[in-house]
Protein backbone atom coordinates (compact mmCIF):
# COMPACT_ATOMS: atom_id res chain seq x y z
CA MET A 1 0.01 -0.49 -0.23
CA THR A 2 1.24 3.70 -0.77
CA ALA A 3 2.16 5.43 2.22
CA THR A 4 0.26 8.51 3.44
CA GLY A 5 1.03 11.47 4.88
CA PRO A 6 2.38 15.60 3.80
CA GLY A 7 3.22 15.72 0.45
CA ALA A 8 1.38 12.32 -0.38
CA THR A 9 -1.78 13.68 -2.30
CA GLU A 10 0.66 16.92 -4.21
CA VAL A 11 1.94 16.44 -7.83
CA PRO A 12 5.30 16.70 -8.20
CA ARG A 13 6.86 18.28 -10.64
CA GLY A 14 7.70 17.25 -14.01
CA TYR A 15 5.07 14.44 -13.17
CA VAL A 16 3.02 14.83 -16.67
CA GLU A 17 6.37 15.16 -18.79
CA HIS A 18 6.28 11.29 -19.02
CA LEU A 19 2.46 9.83 -18.50
CA PHE A 20 1.95 8.95 -21.42
CA ASP A 21 5.72 8.08 -22.73
CA ILE A 22 6.02 4.67 -23.96
CA ARG A 23 9.66 5.11 -25.24
CA GLY A 24 12.32 1.93 -25.37
CA ARG A 25 9.53 -0.05 -23.86
CA VAL A 26 8.83 -3.54 -25.83
CA ALA A 27 5.32 -3.25 -27.20
CA VAL A 28 4.55 -7.26 -28.85
CA VAL A 29 1.39 -6.59 -31.32
CA THR A 30 -0.44 -9.53 -32.44
CA GLY A 31 -2.53 -9.42 -35.47
CA GLY A 32 0.01 -6.63 -36.12
CA GLY A 33 0.04 -7.59 -40.03
CA SER A 34 -3.05 -5.42 -41.05
CA GLY A 35 -5.97 -3.65 -39.81
CA LEU A 36 -6.44 -2.59 -35.88
CA GLY A 37 -3.50 -4.47 -35.06
CA ALA A 38 -0.97 -2.84 -37.59
CA ALA A 39 -2.53 1.00 -36.96
CA ILE A 40 -1.22 0.17 -33.07
CA ALA A 41 1.79 -0.73 -33.74
CA VAL A 42 2.80 1.67 -36.13
CA GLY A 43 1.26 4.29 -33.81
CA PHE A 44 3.56 2.27 -30.78
CA GLY A 45 6.47 2.51 -33.71
CA GLN A 46 6.16 6.53 -34.16
CA ALA A 47 5.91 7.07 -30.23
CA GLY A 48 9.47 5.29 -29.62
CA ALA A 49 8.29 1.72 -28.98
CA ARG A 50 10.45 -1.34 -29.90
CA VAL A 51 7.63 -3.03 -31.48
CA VAL A 52 7.30 -6.59 -32.40
CA VAL A 53 4.76 -7.46 -35.28
CA ALA A 54 3.57 -10.81 -34.92
CA ASP A 55 1.63 -12.37 -37.33
CA ILE A 56 0.89 -15.48 -39.28
CA ASN A 57 0.97 -13.31 -42.76
CA ASP A 58 4.41 -13.11 -42.76
CA ASP A 59 3.84 -10.26 -45.92
CA GLY A 60 1.93 -8.15 -44.01
CA ALA A 61 3.87 -8.15 -41.20
CA ALA A 62 6.61 -6.74 -42.96
CA SER A 63 4.69 -4.21 -44.24
CA THR A 64 3.98 -3.06 -41.11
CA VAL A 65 7.59 -3.01 -39.76
CA GLU A 66 8.75 -0.84 -43.22
CA GLN A 67 5.95 1.36 -41.97
CA VAL A 68 7.18 1.53 -38.72
CA GLU A 69 10.98 2.26 -39.96
CA SER A 70 10.02 4.48 -42.35
CA VAL A 71 9.39 7.09 -39.52
CA GLY A 72 12.52 6.44 -38.01
CA GLY A 73 10.61 3.41 -35.54
CA ASP A 74 12.14 0.17 -34.18
CA ALA A 75 10.27 -2.96 -34.98
CA ARG A 76 11.13 -6.07 -35.85
CA ALA A 77 8.54 -9.40 -37.52
CA LEU A 78 8.20 -12.42 -35.75
CA HIS A 79 5.34 -15.20 -37.28
CA LEU A 80 3.43 -16.45 -34.76
CA ASP A 81 0.43 -18.57 -35.11
CA VAL A 82 -1.20 -17.25 -31.51
CA VAL A 83 -3.55 -20.57 -31.23
CA ASP A 84 -0.25 -22.75 -31.41
CA ARG A 85 0.83 -23.12 -27.57
CA ALA A 86 4.05 -24.29 -28.13
CA ALA A 87 5.14 -21.61 -30.87
CA VAL A 88 2.88 -18.45 -28.78
CA GLU A 89 5.45 -20.03 -25.74
CA ALA A 90 8.64 -20.51 -27.59
CA ALA A 91 7.76 -16.34 -29.07
CA ALA A 92 7.81 -15.15 -25.43
CA ASP A 93 11.08 -16.50 -24.15
CA GLN A 94 12.71 -15.49 -27.80
CA ILE A 95 11.58 -11.85 -27.54
CA CYS A 96 12.61 -11.73 -24.11
CA GLY A 97 16.27 -13.00 -24.76
CA GLU A 98 16.70 -11.22 -27.29
CA LEU A 99 14.69 -7.91 -26.56
CA GLY A 100 15.37 -8.16 -22.45
CA SER A 101 11.81 -8.19 -21.37
CA VAL A 102 7.89 -7.30 -22.72
CA ASP A 103 6.41 -4.67 -21.60
CA VAL A 104 2.98 -4.28 -23.41
CA LEU A 105 0.75 -6.81 -25.35
CA VAL A 106 -1.66 -6.24 -28.08
CA ASN A 107 -3.87 -8.85 -28.45
CA SER A 108 -5.43 -8.09 -32.32
CA ALA A 109 -5.51 -11.52 -34.23
CA GLY A 110 -9.51 -12.15 -34.73
CA SER A 111 -11.35 -13.05 -37.52
CA ALA A 112 -15.37 -12.73 -38.57
CA PHE A 113 -17.50 -14.85 -39.89
CA ARG A 114 -21.04 -14.22 -41.27
CA CYS A 115 -23.98 -16.09 -41.41
CA PRO A 116 -27.37 -17.16 -39.78
CA ALA A 117 -26.71 -19.03 -36.59
CA GLU A 118 -29.23 -21.62 -37.89
CA GLU A 119 -26.92 -22.37 -40.57
CA PHE A 120 -23.35 -21.52 -39.10
CA PRO A 121 -21.06 -24.18 -40.00
CA GLU A 122 -18.92 -25.72 -37.08
CA ASP A 123 -15.32 -25.44 -38.50
CA ARG A 124 -15.60 -22.08 -39.12
CA PHE A 125 -17.49 -21.89 -35.30
CA ASP A 126 -13.79 -23.37 -34.03
CA TYR A 127 -12.13 -21.54 -36.11
CA ILE A 128 -13.45 -18.07 -34.47
CA LEU A 129 -13.97 -18.89 -31.41
CA SER A 130 -10.41 -21.10 -31.16
CA LEU A 131 -8.60 -17.75 -32.69
CA ASN A 132 -10.24 -14.58 -30.86
CA LEU A 133 -10.67 -16.68 -27.42
CA LYS A 134 -8.06 -18.67 -27.13
CA GLY A 135 -5.21 -17.08 -29.06
CA THR A 136 -6.02 -14.04 -26.94
CA TYR A 137 -5.58 -16.61 -24.07
CA LEU A 138 -2.72 -18.65 -24.70
CA CYS A 139 -1.01 -14.72 -25.27
CA CYS A 140 -1.58 -13.40 -21.86
CA GLN A 141 -1.05 -16.63 -20.61
CA ALA A 142 2.68 -17.03 -21.98
CA PHE A 143 3.85 -13.02 -22.00
CA GLY A 144 1.86 -12.42 -19.22
CA ARG A 145 3.82 -15.37 -17.27
CA LYS A 146 6.61 -12.89 -17.84
CA MET A 147 5.58 -9.62 -16.98
CA LEU A 148 4.66 -11.94 -13.65
CA ALA A 149 8.19 -12.38 -13.34
CA ARG A 150 8.84 -8.56 -13.27
CA GLY A 151 6.45 -7.85 -11.18
CA LYS A 152 5.67 -5.29 -14.12
CA GLY A 153 3.36 -5.04 -17.68
CA SER A 154 0.19 -4.07 -19.40
CA ILE A 155 -1.54 -6.43 -21.38
CA ILE A 156 -4.57 -4.93 -23.56
CA ASN A 157 -7.09 -6.90 -25.62
CA MET A 158 -9.28 -6.28 -28.93
CA ALA A 159 -12.30 -6.38 -27.87
CA SER A 160 -15.73 -4.89 -29.77
CA ILE A 161 -19.35 -3.55 -29.53
CA GLY A 162 -20.30 -7.33 -29.85
CA ALA A 163 -19.17 -7.78 -26.78
CA PHE A 164 -21.70 -5.53 -24.60
CA VAL A 165 -24.59 -5.87 -27.90
CA ALA A 166 -25.68 -7.99 -30.46
CA TYR A 167 -26.50 -7.84 -34.08
CA PRO A 168 -27.16 -10.58 -36.96
CA LEU A 169 -25.11 -13.11 -37.88
CA ALA A 170 -22.67 -13.21 -35.67
CA SER A 171 -23.26 -15.58 -33.67
CA ALA A 172 -19.79 -16.99 -33.38
CA TYR A 173 -17.93 -13.35 -33.04
CA LEU A 174 -20.44 -12.27 -30.55
CA ALA A 175 -19.51 -15.29 -28.28
CA SER A 176 -16.19 -15.34 -28.61
CA LYS A 177 -15.42 -11.08 -28.06
CA GLY A 178 -17.96 -11.79 -24.92
CA GLY A 179 -14.80 -14.36 -23.86
CA VAL A 180 -12.18 -11.82 -24.23
CA LEU A 181 -14.04 -9.49 -22.49
CA GLN A 182 -14.70 -11.52 -19.70
CA VAL A 183 -11.18 -13.16 -19.70
CA THR A 184 -10.17 -9.08 -19.37
CA ARG A 185 -11.88 -9.03 -16.31
CA ALA A 186 -10.84 -12.90 -14.75
CA LEU A 187 -6.76 -11.81 -15.32
CA ALA A 188 -7.38 -8.40 -14.05
CA LEU A 189 -8.48 -9.50 -11.24
CA GLU A 190 -5.93 -12.02 -10.86
CA TRP A 191 -2.89 -10.22 -11.94
CA ARG A 192 -3.40 -6.63 -10.03
CA ASP A 193 -1.29 -6.89 -7.00
CA ARG A 194 1.22 -8.68 -8.77
CA GLY A 195 1.88 -5.93 -10.96
CA VAL A 196 0.33 -6.54 -14.37
CA ARG A 197 -2.48 -4.92 -15.49
CA VAL A 198 -5.01 -6.55 -18.27
CA ASN A 199 -7.72 -4.16 -20.07
CA GLY A 200 -9.27 -4.08 -23.40
CA ILE A 201 -10.26 -1.88 -26.03
CA GLY A 202 -13.94 -2.18 -27.94
CA PRO A 203 -13.88 -0.66 -31.03
CA THR A 204 -17.41 0.34 -33.33
CA LEU A 205 -17.46 -0.74 -36.61
CA MET A 206 -14.23 0.04 -38.54
CA GLU A 207 -12.44 0.62 -41.69
CA SER A 208 -10.61 -2.28 -42.10
CA PRO A 209 -10.00 -5.82 -44.29
CA LEU A 210 -11.81 -7.80 -42.18
CA THR A 211 -14.96 -5.48 -42.85
CA ARG A 212 -14.10 -5.03 -46.17
CA SER A 213 -14.00 -9.13 -46.64
CA ALA A 214 -16.66 -9.71 -44.63
CA ALA A 215 -19.10 -7.03 -45.86
CA GLN A 216 -18.24 -9.14 -49.62
CA ARG A 217 -20.27 -12.42 -48.40
CA SER A 218 -23.28 -10.15 -46.65
CA SER A 219 -23.96 -6.46 -45.87
CA VAL A 220 -26.42 -7.68 -42.66
CA THR A 221 -24.41 -6.61 -40.17
CA ALA A 222 -22.90 -3.93 -40.80
CA ASP A 223 -26.60 -1.82 -42.17
CA PHE A 224 -27.92 -3.51 -38.86
CA ILE A 225 -24.81 -1.46 -36.70
CA THR A 226 -24.56 1.24 -39.16
CA ALA A 227 -28.25 2.34 -38.67
CA ARG A 228 -27.65 2.99 -35.22
CA MET A 229 -25.19 5.30 -34.76
CA LEU A 230 -24.51 7.70 -34.28
CA ARG A 231 -22.86 9.22 -36.88
CA PRO A 232 -22.96 7.62 -40.18
CA ARG A 233 -19.44 6.38 -39.82
CA LEU A 234 -16.47 3.72 -39.93
CA GLY A 235 -14.22 4.05 -36.98
CA LEU A 236 -10.46 4.44 -38.92
CA PRO A 237 -7.59 2.18 -37.31
CA ARG A 238 -5.49 5.27 -36.60
CA GLU A 239 -8.39 6.25 -34.09
CA LEU A 240 -7.42 3.36 -31.61
CA ILE A 241 -3.99 4.32 -31.35
CA GLY A 242 -4.60 7.08 -28.35
CA ALA A 243 -6.90 4.56 -26.29
CA ALA A 244 -3.68 2.24 -26.90
CA ILE A 245 -1.27 4.57 -26.28
CA PHE A 246 -3.04 5.84 -22.38
CA LEU A 247 -3.53 1.80 -21.37
CA ALA A 248 0.18 0.68 -22.14
CA SER A 249 1.75 3.81 -20.10
CA ASP A 250 1.83 4.94 -17.04
CA ALA A 251 -0.99 7.55 -17.33
CA SER A 252 -3.42 4.47 -16.92
CA GLU A 253 -1.78 2.95 -13.63
CA LEU A 254 -4.64 2.56 -11.65
CA VAL A 255 -6.89 1.60 -15.39
CA THR A 256 -7.71 -2.52 -15.41
CA GLY A 257 -9.93 -4.61 -15.94
CA HIS A 258 -11.85 -2.53 -17.83
CA THR A 259 -12.62 -1.92 -21.69
CA ILE A 260 -12.50 1.37 -23.58
CA MET A 261 -14.66 1.69 -25.71
CA CYS A 262 -14.16 3.18 -29.19
CA ASP A 263 -17.47 3.69 -30.17
CA ASP A 264 -18.34 6.91 -31.36
CA GLY A 265 -20.93 7.21 -28.52
CA TYR A 266 -22.77 3.69 -30.13
CA LEU A 267 -23.33 1.89 -26.69
CA THR A 268 -25.05 4.82 -25.50
CA ALA A 269 -28.03 5.07 -28.09
């Protein structure tokens, strides 16, 4: 417990100067080869973090690394299948061995598939639950152990408005993101007094390759969501960077177990 007494409630000189500073911190971003993960990885790189872009898509990861390096940032690509426990644990060992530690983990790897619930293919259900939920959990476990050993770290899981509300043709995705929300809360509860914070980001419907590919199969889901938006526009991947930097930095020291909604007010409607 923090000591109390004279001066305990004062704001020290220069306190704010480095509050949002993540320079030099090692940040691993899964699914960093495209979409939301790529934007967050580039944002972290611009902010001075040492970024590991982890993705099963090697070309995508290399492209993100190039974007970071083009502005003088520090990044490297790592091939990673987040549903392979052995590969995830080996990646955690490799990164800590090469870079010394992992300060921030962003779990952004994920997928979606749109189909009426009564017709939903079992293989697609298994794939989405495995990638979105199990993949997040395995990465939290492996990288979380490294953070717990140091007594410090920040994990940021990618949730969704779909963790809180339902929309059509997305039953597996909704189930997976509801699971991510509860995993985030559960790990935050278990790990807070050991120095590791676990939070989430909940985007609205975003402009991304995943959204575009899903819309090609059916526009019903997107139409349902956009009809209920306060403003009729999709979110942009770069609009998540501020929330990610906040959660990665010391500015969010008292924040754990929460999901910051970047939903343009969707849940207030």
